[in-house]
């Protein structure tokens, strides 16, 4: 199965406070802050981050009331890679981020 990461966690990872601009699951959902603008297009399998489009297999999904993206997609948004096993996912960041 796919490993998912909550959008809220991605926003915290970006180091910015994010304001949700509304929408329904069938609409475009916007999360924007000073360093990240994330657009999620309903059930579409693409998301936009700061104007760049990323493939999200299966699209965004709601898990326990939180909107989530596949771990691989989340990592690509930040030009990183994801390491995934059966129980967890890690986003591996460049040393310059630490």
C-alpha atoms as a PDB file:
ATOM      1  CA  UNK A   1       0.000   0.000   0.000  1.00  0.00           C
ATOM      2  CA  UNK A   2       0.853   3.624  -0.365  1.00  0.00           C
ATOM      3  CA  UNK A   3       2.283   5.631   2.554  1.00  0.00           C
ATOM      4  CA  UNK A   4       0.669   9.069   3.012  1.00  0.00           C
ATOM      5  CA  UNK A   5       1.826  12.247   4.755  1.00  0.00           C
ATOM      6  CA  UNK A   6      -0.665  14.832   6.104  1.00  0.00           C
ATOM      7  CA  UNK A   7      -0.665  18.137   4.209  1.00  0.00           C
ATOM      8  CA  UNK A   8      -0.472  19.964   7.551  1.00  0.00           C
ATOM      9  CA  UNK A   9       2.835  18.192   8.288  1.00  0.00           C
ATOM     10  CA  UNK A  10       4.178  19.284   4.887  1.00  0.00           C
ATOM     11  CA  UNK A  11       3.293  22.857   5.709  1.00  0.00           C
ATOM     12  CA  UNK A  12       5.142  22.660   9.033  1.00  0.00           C
ATOM     13  CA  UNK A  13       8.104  21.075   7.215  1.00  0.00           C
ATOM     14  CA  UNK A  14       8.150  24.102   4.885  1.00  0.00           C
ATOM     15  CA  UNK A  15       8.604  26.279   7.961  1.00  0.00           C
ATOM     16  CA  UNK A  16       5.629  28.461   7.207  1.00  0.00           C
ATOM     17  CA  UNK A  17       2.245  29.022   8.719  1.00  0.00           C
ATOM     18  CA  UNK A  18      -0.364  27.953   6.220  1.00  0.00           C
ATOM     19  CA  UNK A  19      -3.841  29.340   5.793  1.00  0.00           C
ATOM     20  CA  UNK A  20      -6.457  27.090   4.214  1.00  0.00           C
ATOM     21  CA  UNK A  21      -8.385  29.075   1.623  1.00  0.00           C
ATOM     22  CA  UNK A  22     -11.387  26.788   1.310  1.00  0.00           C
ATOM     23  CA  UNK A  23     -13.093  24.525  -1.138  1.00  0.00           C
ATOM     24  CA  UNK A  24     -14.746  21.149  -1.077  1.00  0.00           C
ATOM     25  CA  UNK A  25     -13.161  17.804  -1.999  1.00  0.00           C
ATOM     26  CA  UNK A  26     -14.419  18.346  -5.543  1.00  0.00           C
ATOM     27  CA  UNK A  27     -12.838  21.825  -5.803  1.00  0.00           C
ATOM     28  CA  UNK A  28      -9.334  23.199  -5.718  1.00  0.00           C
ATOM     29  CA  UNK A  29      -7.991  23.430  -2.164  1.00  0.00           C
ATOM     30  CA  UNK A  30      -5.391  26.112  -1.495  1.00  0.00           C
ATOM     31  CA  UNK A  31      -2.853  26.153   1.308  1.00  0.00           C
ATOM     32  CA  UNK A  32      -0.654  29.225   1.198  1.00  0.00           C
ATOM     33  CA  UNK A  33       2.013  30.847   3.292  1.00  0.00           C
ATOM     34  CA  UNK A  34       5.196  32.814   2.814  1.00  0.00           C
ATOM     35  CA  UNK A  35       7.255  29.860   1.477  1.00  0.00           C
ATOM     36  CA  UNK A  36       4.699  27.431   0.067  1.00  0.00           C
ATOM     37  CA  UNK A  37       1.537  27.626  -2.011  1.00  0.00           C
ATOM     38  CA  UNK A  38       0.007  24.201  -2.386  1.00  0.00           C
ATOM     39  CA  UNK A  39      -2.975  23.620  -4.669  1.00  0.00           C
ATOM     40  CA  UNK A  40      -4.835  20.310  -4.527  1.00  0.00           C
ATOM     41  CA  UNK A  41      -7.272  19.712  -7.357  1.00  0.00           C
ATOM     42  CA  UNK A  42     -10.068  17.628  -5.839  1.00  0.00           C
ATOM     43  CA  UNK A  43      -9.615  14.012  -6.851  1.00  0.00           C
ATOM     44  CA  UNK A  44      -7.118  14.833  -9.624  1.00  0.00           C
ATOM     45  CA  UNK A  45      -3.789  12.988  -9.539  1.00  0.00           C
ATOM     46  CA  UNK A  46      -1.759  16.197  -9.793  1.00  0.00           C
ATOM     47  CA  UNK A  47      -0.965  18.849  -7.196  1.00  0.00           C
ATOM     48  CA  UNK A  48       0.741  22.201  -7.647  1.00  0.00           C
ATOM     49  CA  UNK A  49       3.403  23.521  -5.289  1.00  0.00           C
ATOM     50  CA  UNK A  50       4.701  27.031  -5.942  1.00  0.00           C
ATOM     51  CA  UNK A  51       3.572  26.750  -9.566  1.00  0.00           C
ATOM     52  CA  UNK A  52       5.218  23.354 -10.249  1.00  0.00           C
ATOM     53  CA  UNK A  53       3.024  20.321 -10.924  1.00  0.00           C
ATOM     54  CA  UNK A  54       3.610  16.945  -9.280  1.00  0.00           C
ATOM     55  CA  UNK A  55       2.026  13.561  -9.973  1.00  0.00           C
ATOM     56  CA  UNK A  56       0.238  12.164  -6.918  1.00  0.00           C
ATOM     57  CA  UNK A  57      -0.849   8.562  -7.635  1.00  0.00           C
ATOM     58  CA  UNK A  58      -4.445   8.218  -6.455  1.00  0.00           C
ATOM     59  CA  UNK A  59      -4.600  11.939  -5.648  1.00  0.00           C
ATOM     60  CA  UNK A  60      -4.963  13.426  -2.200  1.00  0.00           C
ATOM     61  CA  UNK A  61      -6.897  11.290   0.274  1.00  0.00           C
ATOM     62  CA  UNK A  62      -8.534  11.974   3.610  1.00  0.00           C
ATOM     63  CA  UNK A  63      -7.225   9.801   6.448  1.00  0.00           C
ATOM     64  CA  UNK A  64      -8.616  10.250   9.971  1.00  0.00           C
ATOM     65  CA  UNK A  65     -10.023  13.629   8.974  1.00  0.00           C
ATOM     66  CA  UNK A  66      -6.703  14.917   7.600  1.00  0.00           C
ATOM     67  CA  UNK A  67      -5.915  15.570   3.955  1.00  0.00           C
ATOM     68  CA  UNK A  68      -2.841  13.561   2.923  1.00  0.00           C
ATOM     69  CA  UNK A  69      -0.543  13.157  -0.084  1.00  0.00           C
ATOM     70  CA  UNK A  70       1.572  10.144  -1.088  1.00  0.00           C
ATOM     71  CA  UNK A  71       5.020  10.233   0.585  1.00  0.00           C
ATOM     72  CA  UNK A  72       6.880  10.147  -2.758  1.00  0.00           C
ATOM     73  CA  UNK A  73       4.915  13.158  -4.019  1.00  0.00           C
ATOM     74  CA  UNK A  74       5.534  15.035  -0.765  1.00  0.00           C
ATOM     75  CA  UNK A  75       9.273  14.418  -1.070  1.00  0.00           C
ATOM     76  CA  UNK A  76       9.408  15.571  -4.706  1.00  0.00           C
ATOM     77  CA  UNK A  77       7.695  18.850  -3.753  1.00  0.00           C
ATOM     78  CA  UNK A  78      10.764  19.646  -1.640  1.00  0.00           C
ATOM     79  CA  UNK A  79      13.289  18.227  -4.161  1.00  0.00           C
ATOM     80  CA  UNK A  80      14.032  15.382  -1.771  1.00  0.00           C
ATOM     81  CA  UNK A  81      13.468  11.657  -1.853  1.00  0.00           C
ATOM     82  CA  UNK A  82      11.342   9.462   0.334  1.00  0.00           C
ATOM     83  CA  UNK A  83      12.477   6.282   2.015  1.00  0.00           C
ATOM     84  CA  UNK A  84       9.469   4.068   2.643  1.00  0.00           C
ATOM     85  CA  UNK A  85       9.029   0.737   4.374  1.00  0.00           C
ATOM     86  CA  UNK A  86       5.858  -1.138   5.349  1.00  0.00           C
ATOM     87  CA  UNK A  87       5.262   0.946   8.460  1.00  0.00           C
ATOM     88  CA  UNK A  88       6.665   4.420   7.937  1.00  0.00           C
ATOM     89  CA  UNK A  89       8.069   7.001   5.539  1.00  0.00           C
ATOM     90  CA  UNK A  90      10.944   9.415   5.899  1.00  0.00           C
ATOM     91  CA  UNK A  91      11.683  12.411   3.746  1.00  0.00           C
ATOM     92  CA  UNK A  92      15.441  12.549   3.270  1.00  0.00           C
ATOM     93  CA  UNK A  93      16.567  16.160   3.089  1.00  0.00           C
ATOM     94  CA  UNK A  94      19.875  17.517   1.846  1.00  0.00           C
ATOM     95  CA  UNK A  95      22.454  18.191   4.591  1.00  0.00           C
ATOM     96  CA  UNK A  96      22.136  21.916   3.894  1.00  0.00           C
ATOM     97  CA  UNK A  97      18.604  21.814   5.393  1.00  0.00           C
ATOM     98  CA  UNK A  98      19.781  20.574   8.782  1.00  0.00           C
END
